[in-house]
PDB file of N, CA and C in Angstrom:
ATOM      1  N   MET A   1     -11.792  14.250  36.851  1.00  0.00           N
ATOM      2  CA  MET A   1     -12.512  15.060  35.887  1.00  0.00           C
ATOM      3  C   MET A   1     -12.372  16.530  36.289  1.00  0.00           C
ATOM      4  N   SER A   2     -12.083  17.384  35.330  1.00  0.00           N
ATOM      5  CA  SER A   2     -11.927  18.812  35.582  1.00  0.00           C
ATOM      6  C   SER A   2     -13.282  19.448  35.910  1.00  0.00           C
ATOM      7  N   ASP A   3     -13.236  20.514  36.693  1.00  0.00           N
ATOM      8  CA  ASP A   3     -14.484  21.188  37.028  1.00  0.00           C
ATOM      9  C   ASP A   3     -14.885  22.199  35.949  1.00  0.00           C
ATOM     10  N   ARG A   4     -14.020  22.465  34.953  1.00  0.00           N
ATOM     11  CA  ARG A   4     -14.330  23.363  33.838  1.00  0.00           C
ATOM     12  C   ARG A   4     -13.659  22.822  32.573  1.00  0.00           C
ATOM     13  N   VAL A   5     -14.292  23.078  31.430  1.00  0.00           N
ATOM     14  CA  VAL A   5     -13.705  22.724  30.142  1.00  0.00           C
ATOM     15  C   VAL A   5     -13.680  23.987  29.283  1.00  0.00           C
ATOM     16  N   GLN A   6     -12.704  24.069  28.394  1.00  0.00           N
ATOM     17  CA  GLN A   6     -12.604  25.246  27.534  1.00  0.00           C
ATOM     18  C   GLN A   6     -13.407  25.025  26.258  1.00  0.00           C
ATOM     19  N   VAL A   7     -14.237  26.008  25.940  1.00  0.00           N
ATOM     20  CA  VAL A   7     -15.071  25.970  24.744  1.00  0.00           C
ATOM     21  C   VAL A   7     -14.872  27.273  23.980  1.00  0.00           C
ATOM     22  N   LYS A   8     -15.325  27.275  22.755  1.00  0.00           N
ATOM     23  CA  LYS A   8     -15.330  28.504  21.966  1.00  0.00           C
ATOM     24  C   LYS A   8     -16.763  29.018  21.962  1.00  0.00           C
ATOM     25  N   VAL A   9     -16.955  30.248  22.422  1.00  0.00           N
ATOM     26  CA  VAL A   9     -18.282  30.859  22.429  1.00  0.00           C
ATOM     27  C   VAL A   9     -18.348  31.812  21.239  1.00  0.00           C
ATOM     28  N   LEU A  10     -19.335  31.593  20.377  1.00  0.00           N
ATOM     29  CA  LEU A  10     -19.530  32.405  19.177  1.00  0.00           C
ATOM     30  C   LEU A  10     -20.651  33.395  19.418  1.00  0.00           C
ATOM     31  N   PHE A  11     -20.421  34.644  19.054  1.00  0.00           N
ATOM     32  CA  PHE A  11     -21.418  35.697  19.218  1.00  0.00           C
ATOM     33  C   PHE A  11     -21.904  36.152  17.851  1.00  0.00           C
ATOM     34  N   PHE A  12     -23.208  36.277  17.707  1.00  0.00           N
ATOM     35  CA  PHE A  12     -23.787  36.719  16.450  1.00  0.00           C
ATOM     36  C   PHE A  12     -24.620  37.974  16.666  1.00  0.00           C
ATOM     37  N   ALA A  13     -24.711  38.803  15.622  1.00  0.00           N
ATOM     38  CA  ALA A  13     -25.568  39.983  15.568  1.00  0.00           C
ATOM     39  C   ALA A  13     -25.379  40.871  16.809  1.00  0.00           C
ATOM     40  N   LYS A  14     -26.446  41.144  17.548  1.00  0.00           N
ATOM     41  CA  LYS A  14     -26.412  42.047  18.702  1.00  0.00           C
ATOM     42  C   LYS A  14     -25.425  41.562  19.766  1.00  0.00           C
ATOM     43  N   CYS A  15     -25.292  40.263  19.946  1.00  0.00           N
ATOM     44  CA  CYS A  15     -24.323  39.726  20.914  1.00  0.00           C
ATOM     45  C   CYS A  15     -22.908  40.135  20.522  1.00  0.00           C
ATOM     46  N   ARG A  16     -22.591  40.023  19.236  1.00  0.00           N
ATOM     47  CA  ARG A  16     -21.262  40.407  18.753  1.00  0.00           C
ATOM     48  C   ARG A  16     -21.040  41.909  18.969  1.00  0.00           C
ATOM     49  N   GLU A  17     -22.074  42.694  18.716  1.00  0.00           N
ATOM     50  CA  GLU A  17     -21.981  44.148  18.909  1.00  0.00           C
ATOM     51  C   GLU A  17     -21.714  44.480  20.379  1.00  0.00           C
ATOM     52  N   ILE A  18     -22.437  43.853  21.288  1.00  0.00           N
ATOM     53  CA  ILE A  18     -22.279  44.124  22.721  1.00  0.00           C
ATOM     54  C   ILE A  18     -20.918  43.640  23.221  1.00  0.00           C
ATOM     55  N   ALA A  19     -20.521  42.421  22.837  1.00  0.00           N
ATOM     56  CA  ALA A  19     -19.260  41.844  23.310  1.00  0.00           C
ATOM     57  C   ALA A  19     -18.049  42.513  22.664  1.00  0.00           C
ATOM     58  N   GLY A  20     -18.230  43.032  21.452  1.00  0.00           N
ATOM     59  CA  GLY A  20     -17.113  43.658  20.747  1.00  0.00           C
ATOM     60  C   GLY A  20     -16.190  42.677  20.057  1.00  0.00           C
ATOM     61  N   VAL A  21     -16.555  41.403  20.074  1.00  0.00           N
ATOM     62  CA  VAL A  21     -15.774  40.352  19.405  1.00  0.00           C
ATOM     63  C   VAL A  21     -16.743  39.315  18.840  1.00  0.00           C
ATOM     64  N   SER A  22     -16.277  38.535  17.888  1.00  0.00           N
ATOM     65  CA  SER A  22     -17.151  37.513  17.302  1.00  0.00           C
ATOM     66  C   SER A  22     -17.049  36.170  18.021  1.00  0.00           C
ATOM     67  N   SER A  23     -15.967  35.972  18.794  1.00  0.00           N
ATOM     68  CA  SER A  23     -15.829  34.726  19.548  1.00  0.00           C
ATOM     69  C   SER A  23     -14.794  34.891  20.652  1.00  0.00           C
ATOM     70  N   VAL A  24     -14.904  34.028  21.654  1.00  0.00           N
ATOM     71  CA  VAL A  24     -13.929  33.991  22.748  1.00  0.00           C
ATOM     72  C   VAL A  24     -13.749  32.543  23.183  1.00  0.00           C
ATOM     73  N   LEU A  25     -12.599  32.268  23.779  1.00  0.00           N
ATOM     74  CA  LEU A  25     -12.422  30.999  24.469  1.00  0.00           C
ATOM     75  C   LEU A  25     -12.865  31.235  25.903  1.00  0.00           C
ATOM     76  N   TYR A  26     -13.641  30.290  26.437  1.00  0.00           N
ATOM     77  CA  TYR A  26     -14.243  30.474  27.752  1.00  0.00           C
ATOM     78  C   TYR A  26     -14.345  29.122  28.431  1.00  0.00           C
ATOM     79  N   CYS A  27     -14.222  29.092  29.744  1.00  0.00           N
ATOM     80  CA  CYS A  27     -14.315  27.830  30.484  1.00  0.00           C
ATOM     81  C   CYS A  27     -15.678  27.714  31.153  1.00  0.00           C
ATOM     82  N   VAL A  28     -16.298  26.552  30.967  1.00  0.00           N
ATOM     83  CA  VAL A  28     -17.629  26.276  31.516  1.00  0.00           C
ATOM     84  C   VAL A  28     -17.620  24.907  32.188  1.00  0.00           C
ATOM     85  N   PRO A  29     -18.597  24.642  33.050  1.00  0.00           N
ATOM     86  CA  PRO A  29     -18.688  23.307  33.648  1.00  0.00           C
ATOM     87  C   PRO A  29     -19.010  22.260  32.573  1.00  0.00           C
ATOM     88  N   PRO A  30     -18.497  21.044  32.704  1.00  0.00           N
ATOM     89  CA  PRO A  30     -18.779  20.012  31.715  1.00  0.00           C
ATOM     90  C   PRO A  30     -20.218  19.485  31.774  1.00  0.00           C
ATOM     91  N   ARG A  31     -20.862  19.624  32.915  1.00  0.00           N
ATOM     92  CA  ARG A  31     -22.289  19.291  33.079  1.00  0.00           C
ATOM     93  C   ARG A  31     -22.952  20.491  33.704  1.00  0.00           C
ATOM     94  N   VAL A  32     -23.898  21.082  32.966  1.00  0.00           N
ATOM     95  CA  VAL A  32     -24.511  22.306  33.473  1.00  0.00           C
ATOM     96  C   VAL A  32     -25.925  22.428  32.930  1.00  0.00           C
ATOM     97  N   ASP A  33     -26.809  22.955  33.765  1.00  0.00           N
ATOM     98  CA  ASP A  33     -28.167  23.243  33.322  1.00  0.00           C
ATOM     99  C   ASP A  33     -28.106  24.322  32.246  1.00  0.00           C
ATOM    100  N   ARG A  34     -28.881  24.159  31.200  1.00  0.00           N
ATOM    101  CA  ARG A  34     -28.871  25.100  30.079  1.00  0.00           C
ATOM    102  C   ARG A  34     -29.107  26.531  30.549  1.00  0.00           C
ATOM    103  N   HIS A  35     -30.082  26.731  31.429  1.00  0.00           N
ATOM    104  CA  HIS A  35     -30.410  28.070  31.899  1.00  0.00           C
ATOM    105  C   HIS A  35     -29.263  28.681  32.706  1.00  0.00           C
ATOM    106  N   LEU A  36     -28.583  27.884  33.509  1.00  0.00           N
ATOM    107  CA  LEU A  36     -27.453  28.386  34.285  1.00  0.00           C
ATOM    108  C   LEU A  36     -26.286  28.763  33.378  1.00  0.00           C
ATOM    109  N   LEU A  37     -26.063  27.976  32.334  1.00  0.00           N
ATOM    110  CA  LEU A  37     -24.998  28.275  31.379  1.00  0.00           C
ATOM    111  C   LEU A  37     -25.265  29.610  30.680  1.00  0.00           C
ATOM    112  N   VAL A  38     -26.485  29.799  30.209  1.00  0.00           N
ATOM    113  CA  VAL A  38     -26.844  31.044  29.529  1.00  0.00           C
ATOM    114  C   VAL A  38     -26.729  32.218  30.497  1.00  0.00           C
ATOM    115  N   ASP A  39     -27.198  32.041  31.731  1.00  0.00           N
ATOM    116  CA  ASP A  39     -27.083  33.106  32.734  1.00  0.00           C
ATOM    117  C   ASP A  39     -25.626  33.504  32.948  1.00  0.00           C
ATOM    118  N   GLU A  40     -24.750  32.506  33.082  1.00  0.00           N
ATOM    119  CA  GLU A  40     -23.331  32.782  33.328  1.00  0.00           C
ATOM    120  C   GLU A  40     -22.710  33.567  32.171  1.00  0.00           C
ATOM    121  N   ILE A  41     -22.972  33.132  30.947  1.00  0.00           N
ATOM    122  CA  ILE A  41     -22.390  33.807  29.785  1.00  0.00           C
ATOM    123  C   ILE A  41     -22.977  35.211  29.628  1.00  0.00           C
ATOM    124  N   CYS A  42     -24.276  35.352  29.838  1.00  0.00           N
ATOM    125  CA  CYS A  42     -24.911  36.673  29.734  1.00  0.00           C
ATOM    126  C   CYS A  42     -24.370  37.635  30.781  1.00  0.00           C
ATOM    127  N   ASP A  43     -24.171  37.152  32.002  1.00  0.00           N
ATOM    128  CA  ASP A  43     -23.606  37.992  33.053  1.00  0.00           C
ATOM    129  C   ASP A  43     -22.179  38.417  32.709  1.00  0.00           C
ATOM    130  N   LYS A  44     -21.395  37.484  32.214  1.00  0.00           N
ATOM    131  CA  LYS A  44     -19.995  37.755  31.892  1.00  0.00           C
ATOM    132  C   LYS A  44     -19.853  38.771  30.763  1.00  0.00           C
ATOM    133  N   PHE A  45     -20.714  38.691  29.752  1.00  0.00           N
ATOM    134  CA  PHE A  45     -20.530  39.505  28.553  1.00  0.00           C
ATOM    135  C   PHE A  45     -21.574  40.619  28.392  1.00  0.00           C
ATOM    136  N   GLY A  46     -22.444  40.807  29.382  1.00  0.00           N
ATOM    137  CA  GLY A  46     -23.360  41.943  29.373  1.00  0.00           C
ATOM    138  C   GLY A  46     -24.569  41.812  28.472  1.00  0.00           C
ATOM    139  N   PHE A  47     -25.114  40.593  28.363  1.00  0.00           N
ATOM    140  CA  PHE A  47     -26.276  40.370  27.495  1.00  0.00           C
ATOM    141  C   PHE A  47     -27.595  40.342  28.262  1.00  0.00           C
ATOM    142  N   GLY A  48     -27.619  40.910  29.454  1.00  0.00           N
ATOM    143  CA  GLY A  48     -28.811  40.849  30.295  1.00  0.00           C
ATOM    144  C   GLY A  48     -30.077  41.336  29.631  1.00  0.00           C
ATOM    145  N   ASN A  49     -29.974  42.420  28.845  1.00  0.00           N
ATOM    146  CA  ASN A  49     -31.178  42.984  28.239  1.00  0.00           C
ATOM    147  C   ASN A  49     -31.718  42.164  27.065  1.00  0.00           C
ATOM    148  N   ILE A  50     -30.954  41.211  26.553  1.00  0.00           N
ATOM    149  CA  ILE A  50     -31.444  40.362  25.459  1.00  0.00           C
ATOM    150  C   ILE A  50     -31.468  38.887  25.854  1.00  0.00           C
ATOM    151  N   ARG A  51     -31.143  38.585  27.089  1.00  0.00           N
ATOM    152  CA  ARG A  51     -31.001  37.209  27.564  1.00  0.00           C
ATOM    153  C   ARG A  51     -32.216  36.327  27.270  1.00  0.00           C
ATOM    154  N   GLU A  52     -33.397  36.852  27.496  1.00  0.00           N
ATOM    155  CA  GLU A  52     -34.615  36.051  27.342  1.00  0.00           C
ATOM    156  C   GLU A  52     -34.912  35.683  25.885  1.00  0.00           C
ATOM    157  N   ASN A  53     -34.266  36.360  24.944  1.00  0.00           N
ATOM    158  CA  ASN A  53     -34.543  36.129  23.534  1.00  0.00           C
ATOM    159  C   ASN A  53     -33.444  35.369  22.807  1.00  0.00           C
ATOM    160  N   LEU A  54     -32.430  34.933  23.523  1.00  0.00           N
ATOM    161  CA  LEU A  54     -31.304  34.268  22.873  1.00  0.00           C
ATOM    162  C   LEU A  54     -31.618  32.832  22.472  1.00  0.00           C
ATOM    163  N   ILE A  55     -31.105  32.471  21.325  1.00  0.00           N
ATOM    164  CA  ILE A  55     -31.108  31.079  20.880  1.00  0.00           C
ATOM    165  C   ILE A  55     -29.707  30.553  21.155  1.00  0.00           C
ATOM    166  N   VAL A  56     -29.622  29.348  21.695  1.00  0.00           N
ATOM    167  CA  VAL A  56     -28.333  28.749  22.024  1.00  0.00           C
ATOM    168  C   VAL A  56     -28.149  27.485  21.197  1.00  0.00           C
ATOM    169  N   ALA A  57     -26.944  27.347  20.656  1.00  0.00           N
ATOM    170  CA  ALA A  57     -26.603  26.128  19.921  1.00  0.00           C
ATOM    171  C   ALA A  57     -25.261  25.616  20.441  1.00  0.00           C
ATOM    172  N   ILE A  58     -25.170  24.310  20.548  1.00  0.00           N
ATOM    173  CA  ILE A  58     -23.903  23.685  20.909  1.00  0.00           C
ATOM    174  C   ILE A  58     -23.517  22.780  19.750  1.00  0.00           C
ATOM    175  N   ASN A  59     -22.348  23.056  19.184  1.00  0.00           N
ATOM    176  CA  ASN A  59     -21.865  22.303  18.021  1.00  0.00           C
ATOM    177  C   ASN A  59     -22.920  22.260  16.919  1.00  0.00           C
ATOM    178  N   GLU A  60     -23.510  23.424  16.649  1.00  0.00           N
ATOM    179  CA  GLU A  60     -24.488  23.632  15.579  1.00  0.00           C
ATOM    180  C   GLU A  60     -25.821  22.911  15.793  1.00  0.00           C
ATOM    181  N   GLN A  61     -26.085  22.482  17.033  1.00  0.00           N
ATOM    182  CA  GLN A  61     -27.359  21.864  17.378  1.00  0.00           C
ATOM    183  C   GLN A  61     -28.082  22.784  18.358  1.00  0.00           C
ATOM    184  N   TYR A  62     -29.290  23.218  17.978  1.00  0.00           N
ATOM    185  CA  TYR A  62     -30.040  24.125  18.835  1.00  0.00           C
ATOM    186  C   TYR A  62     -30.434  23.455  20.143  1.00  0.00           C
ATOM    187  N   CYS A  63     -30.406  24.244  21.215  1.00  0.00           N
ATOM    188  CA  CYS A  63     -30.834  23.799  22.541  1.00  0.00           C
ATOM    189  C   CYS A  63     -32.133  24.518  22.862  1.00  0.00           C
ATOM    190  N   SER A  64     -33.180  23.794  23.081  1.00  0.00           N
ATOM    191  CA  SER A  64     -34.487  24.370  23.336  1.00  0.00           C
ATOM    192  C   SER A  64     -34.529  25.081  24.682  1.00  0.00           C
ATOM    193  N   ALA A  65     -34.988  26.327  24.670  1.00  0.00           N
ATOM    194  CA  ALA A  65     -35.112  27.093  25.914  1.00  0.00           C
ATOM    195  C   ALA A  65     -36.168  26.495  26.824  1.00  0.00           C
ATOM    196  N   GLU A  66     -37.232  25.993  26.239  1.00  0.00           N
ATOM    197  CA  GLU A  66     -38.325  25.433  27.034  1.00  0.00           C
ATOM    198  C   GLU A  66     -37.905  24.134  27.710  1.00  0.00           C
ATOM    199  N   ALA A  67     -37.094  23.364  27.034  1.00  0.00           N
ATOM    200  CA  ALA A  67     -36.704  22.063  27.560  1.00  0.00           C
ATOM    201  C   ALA A  67     -35.753  22.187  28.744  1.00  0.00           C
ATOM    202  N   GLY A  68     -34.889  23.232  28.729  1.00  0.00           N
ATOM    203  CA  GLY A  68     -33.900  23.337  29.803  1.00  0.00           C
ATOM    204  C   GLY A  68     -33.038  22.096  29.800  1.00  0.00           C
ATOM    205  N   GLY A  69     -32.824  21.523  30.936  1.00  0.00           N
ATOM    206  CA  GLY A  69     -32.096  20.269  31.018  1.00  0.00           C
ATOM    207  C   GLY A  69     -30.604  20.456  31.191  1.00  0.00           C
ATOM    208  N   VAL A  70     -29.955  19.349  31.531  1.00  0.00           N
ATOM    209  CA  VAL A  70     -28.515  19.342  31.753  1.00  0.00           C
ATOM    210  C   VAL A  70     -27.810  19.111  30.421  1.00  0.00           C
ATOM    211  N   LEU A  71     -26.824  19.948  30.157  1.00  0.00           N
ATOM    212  CA  LEU A  71     -26.020  19.834  28.943  1.00  0.00           C
ATOM    213  C   LEU A  71     -24.700  19.161  29.274  1.00  0.00           C
ATOM    214  N   GLU A  72     -24.253  18.299  28.402  1.00  0.00           N
ATOM    215  CA  GLU A  72     -22.939  17.662  28.512  1.00  0.00           C
ATOM    216  C   GLU A  72     -22.022  18.392  27.546  1.00  0.00           C
ATOM    217  N   ILE A  73     -21.027  19.081  28.078  1.00  0.00           N
ATOM    218  CA  ILE A  73     -20.144  19.886  27.251  1.00  0.00           C
ATOM    219  C   ILE A  73     -18.729  19.334  27.355  1.00  0.00           C
ATOM    220  N   LYS A  74     -18.096  19.209  26.185  1.00  0.00           N
ATOM    221  CA  LYS A  74     -16.743  18.657  26.135  1.00  0.00           C
ATOM    222  C   LYS A  74     -15.734  19.738  25.762  1.00  0.00           C
ATOM    223  N   GLU A  75     -14.497  19.512  26.134  1.00  0.00           N
ATOM    224  CA  GLU A  75     -13.400  20.398  25.755  1.00  0.00           C
ATOM    225  C   GLU A  75     -13.428  20.615  24.240  1.00  0.00           C
ATOM    226  N   GLY A  76     -13.363  21.884  23.829  1.00  0.00           N
ATOM    227  CA  GLY A  76     -13.326  22.205  22.407  1.00  0.00           C
ATOM    228  C   GLY A  76     -14.680  22.386  21.743  1.00  0.00           C
ATOM    229  N   ASP A  77     -15.773  22.145  22.460  1.00  0.00           N
ATOM    230  CA  ASP A  77     -17.105  22.364  21.876  1.00  0.00           C
ATOM    231  C   ASP A  77     -17.283  23.837  21.524  1.00  0.00           C
ATOM    232  N   GLU A  78     -18.251  24.109  20.638  1.00  0.00           N
ATOM    233  CA  GLU A  78     -18.613  25.474  20.292  1.00  0.00           C
ATOM    234  C   GLU A  78     -20.011  25.774  20.808  1.00  0.00           C
ATOM    235  N   ILE A  79     -20.147  26.886  21.485  1.00  0.00           N
ATOM    236  CA  ILE A  79     -21.435  27.355  21.979  1.00  0.00           C
ATOM    237  C   ILE A  79     -21.742  28.654  21.242  1.00  0.00           C
ATOM    238  N   ALA A  80     -22.862  28.699  20.536  1.00  0.00           N
ATOM    239  CA  ALA A  80     -23.242  29.896  19.800  1.00  0.00           C
ATOM    240  C   ALA A  80     -24.415  30.574  20.492  1.00  0.00           C
ATOM    241  N   LEU A  81     -24.333  31.897  20.608  1.00  0.00           N
ATOM    242  CA  LEU A  81     -25.432  32.696  21.144  1.00  0.00           C
ATOM    243  C   LEU A  81     -25.977  33.540  19.996  1.00  0.00           C
ATOM    244  N   ILE A  82     -27.251  33.314  19.699  1.00  0.00           N
ATOM    245  CA  ILE A  82     -27.863  33.950  18.537  1.00  0.00           C
ATOM    246  C   ILE A  82     -29.083  34.735  19.001  1.00  0.00           C
ATOM    247  N   PRO A  83     -29.025  36.071  18.906  1.00  0.00           N
ATOM    248  CA  PRO A  83     -30.192  36.869  19.273  1.00  0.00           C
ATOM    249  C   PRO A  83     -31.198  36.865  18.135  1.00  0.00           C
ATOM    250  N   PRO A  84     -32.415  37.339  18.395  1.00  0.00           N
ATOM    251  CA  PRO A  84     -33.388  37.439  17.313  1.00  0.00           C
ATOM    252  C   PRO A  84     -32.841  38.332  16.200  1.00  0.00           C
ATOM    253  N   ILE A  85     -33.086  37.946  14.997  1.00  0.00           N
ATOM    254  CA  ILE A  85     -32.605  38.713  13.852  1.00  0.00           C
ATOM    255  C   ILE A  85     -33.806  39.202  13.078  1.00  0.00           C
ATOM    256  N   SER A  86     -33.876  40.507  12.884  1.00  0.00           N
ATOM    257  CA  SER A  86     -34.983  41.051  12.108  1.00  0.00           C
ATOM    258  C   SER A  86     -34.484  41.355  10.706  1.00  0.00           C
ATOM    259  N   GLY A  87     -35.370  41.328   9.795  1.00  0.00           N
ATOM    260  CA  GLY A  87     -34.983  41.612   8.420  1.00  0.00           C
ATOM    261  C   GLY A  87     -36.146  42.244   7.689  1.00  0.00           C
ATOM    262  N   GLY A  88     -35.894  42.574   6.480  1.00  0.00           N
ATOM    263  CA  GLY A  88     -36.964  43.185   5.732  1.00  0.00           C
ATOM    264  C   GLY A  88     -36.696  43.154   4.261  1.00  0.00           C
TER     265      GLY A  88
END
């Protein structure tokens, strides 16, 4: 079993603005704690100032921040980082 799998990370709103792109291919561990995964991606792409407010989805399924837990990630999965969106 590989120690990393390639996924597509999607950036929305402020994340897209900070990263300068709407998506990237990125390698992550196939089994990883949700909080560690978010920390790694935030460190890599400079989302530290919005990290605590991010919503994370894997393959269009939201991952609860409160629940934490180990995520099973497969090659080709999509991980979306969604910051709070304000509107009016």
